[in-house]
Amino acid sequence: MQIAGNECKICGRSIIISNEGKFCGRCGTVVHLSCEAESKCNVCGTPYEGYERPKAAPLSEAIVPLAVRGANRGWSVAVALMVALALLFVIFLFFMF
């Protein structure tokens, strides 16, 4: 759940940075860490969840040079097959006439 930009249920002010708040995953209550010292939600009693920074995925975000990338063999096989079929068709037509 997005914490930043939501309104604190206790003080009514906006939560600017996600690290400043916590939320209840069950009822959606969002509060500042400084406004609520309790670890459980006042509305439903579920433990609050804090902001967790997403884990970095360096391989999915990396710029990989063309020489290092794996070959995409699907297109090359399809093109080679089409060329071979076209060549066989031309040879067939040549011998028929």
N, C-alpha and C. Protein backbone atom coordinates (compact mmCIF):
# COMPACT_ATOMS: atom_id res chain seq x y z
N MET A 1 0.85 -1.18 0.00
CA MET A 1 0.00 0.00 0.00
C MET A 1 0.88 1.23 0.00
N GLN A 2 0.46 2.26 -0.69
CA GLN A 2 1.20 3.51 -0.73
C GLN A 2 0.92 4.31 0.53
N ILE A 3 1.98 4.70 1.22
CA ILE A 3 1.83 5.45 2.46
C ILE A 3 1.91 6.95 2.18
N ALA A 4 2.91 7.36 1.39
CA ALA A 4 3.12 8.78 1.10
C ALA A 4 1.91 9.34 0.35
N GLY A 5 1.51 10.55 0.75
CA GLY A 5 0.38 11.20 0.11
C GLY A 5 -0.95 10.97 0.80
N ASN A 6 -1.02 10.00 1.69
CA ASN A 6 -2.25 9.74 2.43
C ASN A 6 -2.33 10.65 3.65
N GLU A 7 -3.52 10.78 4.18
CA GLU A 7 -3.75 11.62 5.36
C GLU A 7 -3.69 10.78 6.63
N CYS A 8 -2.98 11.27 7.62
CA CYS A 8 -2.89 10.60 8.91
C CYS A 8 -4.25 10.64 9.58
N LYS A 9 -4.72 9.49 10.07
CA LYS A 9 -6.04 9.40 10.71
C LYS A 9 -6.07 10.08 12.07
N ILE A 10 -4.90 10.36 12.65
CA ILE A 10 -4.87 10.97 13.98
C ILE A 10 -4.76 12.49 13.90
N CYS A 11 -3.74 12.99 13.19
CA CYS A 11 -3.52 14.44 13.15
C CYS A 11 -4.15 15.11 11.93
N GLY A 12 -4.48 14.34 10.90
CA GLY A 12 -5.11 14.90 9.72
C GLY A 12 -4.16 15.50 8.71
N ARG A 13 -2.86 15.53 9.03
CA ARG A 13 -1.88 16.07 8.08
C ARG A 13 -1.46 14.99 7.09
N SER A 14 -0.95 15.43 5.97
CA SER A 14 -0.52 14.50 4.92
C SER A 14 0.82 13.87 5.29
N ILE A 15 0.98 12.61 4.95
CA ILE A 15 2.25 11.92 5.15
C ILE A 15 3.08 12.18 3.90
N ILE A 16 4.21 12.85 4.07
CA ILE A 16 5.02 13.29 2.94
C ILE A 16 5.93 12.18 2.44
N ILE A 17 6.65 11.54 3.34
CA ILE A 17 7.61 10.50 2.99
C ILE A 17 7.12 9.17 3.56
N SER A 18 7.24 8.11 2.79
CA SER A 18 6.74 6.80 3.22
C SER A 18 7.36 6.34 4.53
N ASN A 19 8.62 6.71 4.78
CA ASN A 19 9.30 6.32 6.02
C ASN A 19 8.68 6.95 7.26
N GLU A 20 7.86 7.99 7.10
CA GLU A 20 7.26 8.69 8.23
C GLU A 20 5.97 8.03 8.71
N GLY A 21 5.46 7.04 7.99
CA GLY A 21 4.17 6.49 8.36
C GLY A 21 4.14 4.99 8.39
N LYS A 22 2.98 4.49 8.83
CA LYS A 22 2.70 3.05 8.83
C LYS A 22 1.22 2.89 8.51
N PHE A 23 0.83 1.67 8.10
CA PHE A 23 -0.54 1.47 7.69
C PHE A 23 -1.07 0.12 8.16
N CYS A 24 -2.37 0.02 8.17
CA CYS A 24 -3.04 -1.24 8.50
C CYS A 24 -3.46 -1.88 7.18
N GLY A 25 -2.98 -3.07 6.95
CA GLY A 25 -3.30 -3.75 5.71
C GLY A 25 -4.74 -4.24 5.63
N ARG A 26 -5.39 -4.34 6.76
CA ARG A 26 -6.77 -4.85 6.79
C ARG A 26 -7.80 -3.76 6.53
N CYS A 27 -7.71 -2.65 7.24
CA CYS A 27 -8.73 -1.60 7.10
C CYS A 27 -8.23 -0.37 6.33
N GLY A 28 -6.92 -0.30 6.06
CA GLY A 28 -6.39 0.80 5.27
C GLY A 28 -6.08 2.06 6.05
N THR A 29 -6.08 2.00 7.37
CA THR A 29 -5.75 3.15 8.20
C THR A 29 -4.28 3.50 8.04
N VAL A 30 -3.99 4.79 7.83
CA VAL A 30 -2.61 5.25 7.68
C VAL A 30 -2.35 6.31 8.74
N VAL A 31 -1.22 6.18 9.47
CA VAL A 31 -0.87 7.12 10.53
C VAL A 31 0.62 7.45 10.48
N HIS A 32 0.97 8.60 11.06
CA HIS A 32 2.38 8.95 11.23
C HIS A 32 2.98 8.05 12.32
N LEU A 33 4.24 7.74 12.20
CA LEU A 33 4.92 6.99 13.26
C LEU A 33 4.93 7.78 14.56
N SER A 34 5.07 9.11 14.44
CA SER A 34 5.13 9.95 15.65
C SER A 34 3.75 10.14 16.28
N CYS A 35 2.68 9.97 15.53
CA CYS A 35 1.34 10.16 16.08
C CYS A 35 0.82 8.91 16.79
N GLU A 36 1.23 7.75 16.38
CA GLU A 36 0.72 6.50 16.94
C GLU A 36 1.88 5.64 17.41
N ALA A 37 1.99 5.47 18.73
CA ALA A 37 3.07 4.66 19.29
C ALA A 37 2.71 3.18 19.35
N GLU A 38 1.41 2.88 19.28
CA GLU A 38 0.95 1.49 19.37
C GLU A 38 1.38 0.71 18.12
N SER A 39 1.54 -0.59 18.29
CA SER A 39 1.92 -1.43 17.15
C SER A 39 0.71 -2.04 16.46
N LYS A 40 -0.49 -1.88 17.07
CA LYS A 40 -1.71 -2.42 16.48
C LYS A 40 -2.67 -1.28 16.13
N CYS A 41 -3.46 -1.52 15.10
CA CYS A 41 -4.43 -0.54 14.62
C CYS A 41 -5.53 -0.31 15.65
N ASN A 42 -5.90 0.96 15.86
CA ASN A 42 -6.98 1.29 16.81
C ASN A 42 -8.34 0.90 16.27
N VAL A 43 -8.48 0.79 14.96
CA VAL A 43 -9.77 0.50 14.35
C VAL A 43 -10.09 -0.99 14.38
N CYS A 44 -9.15 -1.83 13.91
CA CYS A 44 -9.46 -3.27 13.79
C CYS A 44 -8.53 -4.17 14.61
N GLY A 45 -7.46 -3.65 15.18
CA GLY A 45 -6.58 -4.45 16.02
C GLY A 45 -5.51 -5.22 15.27
N THR A 46 -5.42 -5.05 13.96
CA THR A 46 -4.40 -5.72 13.16
C THR A 46 -3.07 -4.99 13.33
N PRO A 47 -1.94 -5.71 13.40
CA PRO A 47 -0.64 -5.04 13.51
C PRO A 47 -0.37 -4.13 12.30
N TYR A 48 0.20 -2.96 12.60
CA TYR A 48 0.56 -2.03 11.53
C TYR A 48 1.71 -2.59 10.70
N GLU A 49 1.76 -2.20 9.46
CA GLU A 49 2.86 -2.54 8.58
C GLU A 49 3.58 -1.26 8.21
N GLY A 50 4.90 -1.33 8.15
CA GLY A 50 5.68 -0.16 7.79
C GLY A 50 6.12 -0.20 6.35
N TYR A 51 6.77 0.85 5.93
CA TYR A 51 7.28 0.95 4.57
C TYR A 51 8.46 0.01 4.39
N GLU A 52 8.42 -0.78 3.33
CA GLU A 52 9.55 -1.65 2.99
C GLU A 52 10.05 -1.24 1.62
N ARG A 53 11.31 -0.90 1.57
CA ARG A 53 11.90 -0.49 0.31
C ARG A 53 11.95 -1.70 -0.63
N PRO A 54 11.56 -1.52 -1.90
CA PRO A 54 11.60 -2.63 -2.85
C PRO A 54 13.03 -3.12 -3.04
N LYS A 55 13.17 -4.42 -3.20
CA LYS A 55 14.48 -5.00 -3.42
C LYS A 55 14.94 -4.68 -4.84
N ALA A 56 16.21 -4.36 -4.97
CA ALA A 56 16.77 -4.04 -6.27
C ALA A 56 16.92 -5.31 -7.10
N ALA A 57 16.65 -5.19 -8.38
CA ALA A 57 16.83 -6.29 -9.32
C ALA A 57 17.83 -5.83 -10.39
N PRO A 58 19.13 -5.94 -10.09
CA PRO A 58 20.12 -5.37 -11.00
C PRO A 58 20.12 -5.98 -12.39
N LEU A 59 19.77 -7.25 -12.52
CA LEU A 59 19.79 -7.86 -13.84
C LEU A 59 18.65 -7.38 -14.72
N SER A 60 17.51 -7.12 -14.14
CA SER A 60 16.38 -6.66 -14.95
C SER A 60 16.52 -5.19 -15.33
N GLU A 61 17.31 -4.42 -14.60
CA GLU A 61 17.48 -3.00 -14.89
C GLU A 61 18.79 -2.70 -15.57
N ALA A 62 19.61 -3.70 -15.79
CA ALA A 62 20.94 -3.48 -16.36
C ALA A 62 20.87 -3.25 -17.87
N ILE A 63 21.82 -2.48 -18.35
CA ILE A 63 22.01 -2.30 -19.78
C ILE A 63 23.08 -3.29 -20.19
N VAL A 64 22.67 -4.28 -20.96
CA VAL A 64 23.59 -5.35 -21.34
C VAL A 64 24.06 -5.11 -22.77
N PRO A 65 25.38 -5.10 -23.00
CA PRO A 65 25.89 -4.90 -24.36
C PRO A 65 25.40 -5.99 -25.31
N LEU A 66 25.28 -5.64 -26.59
CA LEU A 66 24.76 -6.56 -27.59
C LEU A 66 25.59 -7.83 -27.68
N ALA A 67 26.90 -7.72 -27.51
CA ALA A 67 27.78 -8.89 -27.62
C ALA A 67 27.56 -9.88 -26.48
N VAL A 68 27.03 -9.42 -25.36
CA VAL A 68 26.85 -10.28 -24.19
C VAL A 68 25.45 -10.90 -24.15
N ARG A 69 24.50 -10.29 -24.84
CA ARG A 69 23.12 -10.78 -24.83
C ARG A 69 23.03 -12.16 -25.46
N GLY A 70 22.07 -12.93 -25.01
CA GLY A 70 21.80 -14.23 -25.60
C GLY A 70 21.17 -14.05 -26.98
N ALA A 71 21.47 -14.94 -27.89
CA ALA A 71 20.92 -14.83 -29.24
C ALA A 71 19.44 -15.18 -29.24
N ASN A 72 18.68 -14.42 -29.99
CA ASN A 72 17.26 -14.70 -30.15
C ASN A 72 17.10 -15.59 -31.37
N ARG A 73 17.13 -16.87 -31.18
CA ARG A 73 17.16 -17.83 -32.27
C ARG A 73 15.78 -18.03 -32.92
N GLY A 74 14.73 -17.61 -32.30
CA GLY A 74 13.40 -17.81 -32.84
C GLY A 74 13.22 -17.15 -34.20
N TRP A 75 13.62 -15.88 -34.32
CA TRP A 75 13.46 -15.16 -35.59
C TRP A 75 14.39 -15.72 -36.66
N SER A 76 15.62 -16.02 -36.28
CA SER A 76 16.57 -16.49 -37.29
C SER A 76 16.15 -17.85 -37.86
N VAL A 77 15.61 -18.73 -37.04
CA VAL A 77 15.15 -20.03 -37.52
C VAL A 77 13.95 -19.84 -38.45
N ALA A 78 13.03 -18.96 -38.11
CA ALA A 78 11.85 -18.71 -38.94
C ALA A 78 12.25 -18.14 -40.30
N VAL A 79 13.19 -17.20 -40.31
CA VAL A 79 13.64 -16.61 -41.58
C VAL A 79 14.36 -17.65 -42.42
N ALA A 80 15.21 -18.45 -41.82
CA ALA A 80 15.93 -19.49 -42.57
C ALA A 80 14.96 -20.50 -43.16
N LEU A 81 13.93 -20.86 -42.43
CA LEU A 81 12.93 -21.81 -42.92
C LEU A 81 12.15 -21.21 -44.10
N MET A 82 11.79 -19.94 -44.00
CA MET A 82 11.07 -19.29 -45.09
C MET A 82 11.93 -19.19 -46.35
N VAL A 83 13.21 -18.88 -46.20
CA VAL A 83 14.12 -18.81 -47.34
C VAL A 83 14.25 -20.19 -47.98
N ALA A 84 14.38 -21.22 -47.18
CA ALA A 84 14.51 -22.58 -47.71
C ALA A 84 13.26 -23.00 -48.46
N LEU A 85 12.10 -22.69 -47.94
CA LEU A 85 10.84 -23.02 -48.62
C LEU A 85 10.70 -22.25 -49.92
N ALA A 86 11.07 -20.99 -49.91
CA ALA A 86 11.01 -20.19 -51.14
C ALA A 86 11.96 -20.75 -52.18
N LEU A 87 13.14 -21.15 -51.79
CA LEU A 87 14.11 -21.73 -52.71
C LEU A 87 13.59 -23.05 -53.29
N LEU A 88 13.01 -23.89 -52.47
CA LEU A 88 12.42 -25.14 -52.96
C LEU A 88 11.27 -24.87 -53.93
N PHE A 89 10.48 -23.85 -53.66
CA PHE A 89 9.38 -23.50 -54.55
C PHE A 89 9.90 -23.02 -55.91
N VAL A 90 10.96 -22.20 -55.91
CA VAL A 90 11.55 -21.72 -57.15
C VAL A 90 12.14 -22.88 -57.95
N ILE A 91 12.82 -23.79 -57.29
CA ILE A 91 13.39 -24.97 -57.97
C ILE A 91 12.27 -25.83 -58.54
N PHE A 92 11.19 -26.01 -57.82
CA PHE A 92 10.05 -26.80 -58.29
C PHE A 92 9.45 -26.16 -59.55
N LEU A 93 9.27 -24.83 -59.51
CA LEU A 93 8.72 -24.14 -60.69
C LEU A 93 9.68 -24.22 -61.88
N PHE A 94 10.97 -24.16 -61.65
CA PHE A 94 11.97 -24.19 -62.72
C PHE A 94 11.91 -25.54 -63.45
N PHE A 95 11.79 -26.64 -62.73
CA PHE A 95 11.75 -27.95 -63.36
C PHE A 95 10.39 -28.29 -63.96
N MET A 96 9.34 -27.62 -63.53
CA MET A 96 8.01 -27.89 -64.07
C MET A 96 7.85 -27.26 -65.47
N PHE A 97 8.54 -26.18 -65.75
CA PHE A 97 8.37 -25.51 -67.04
C PHE A 97 9.58 -25.69 -67.84
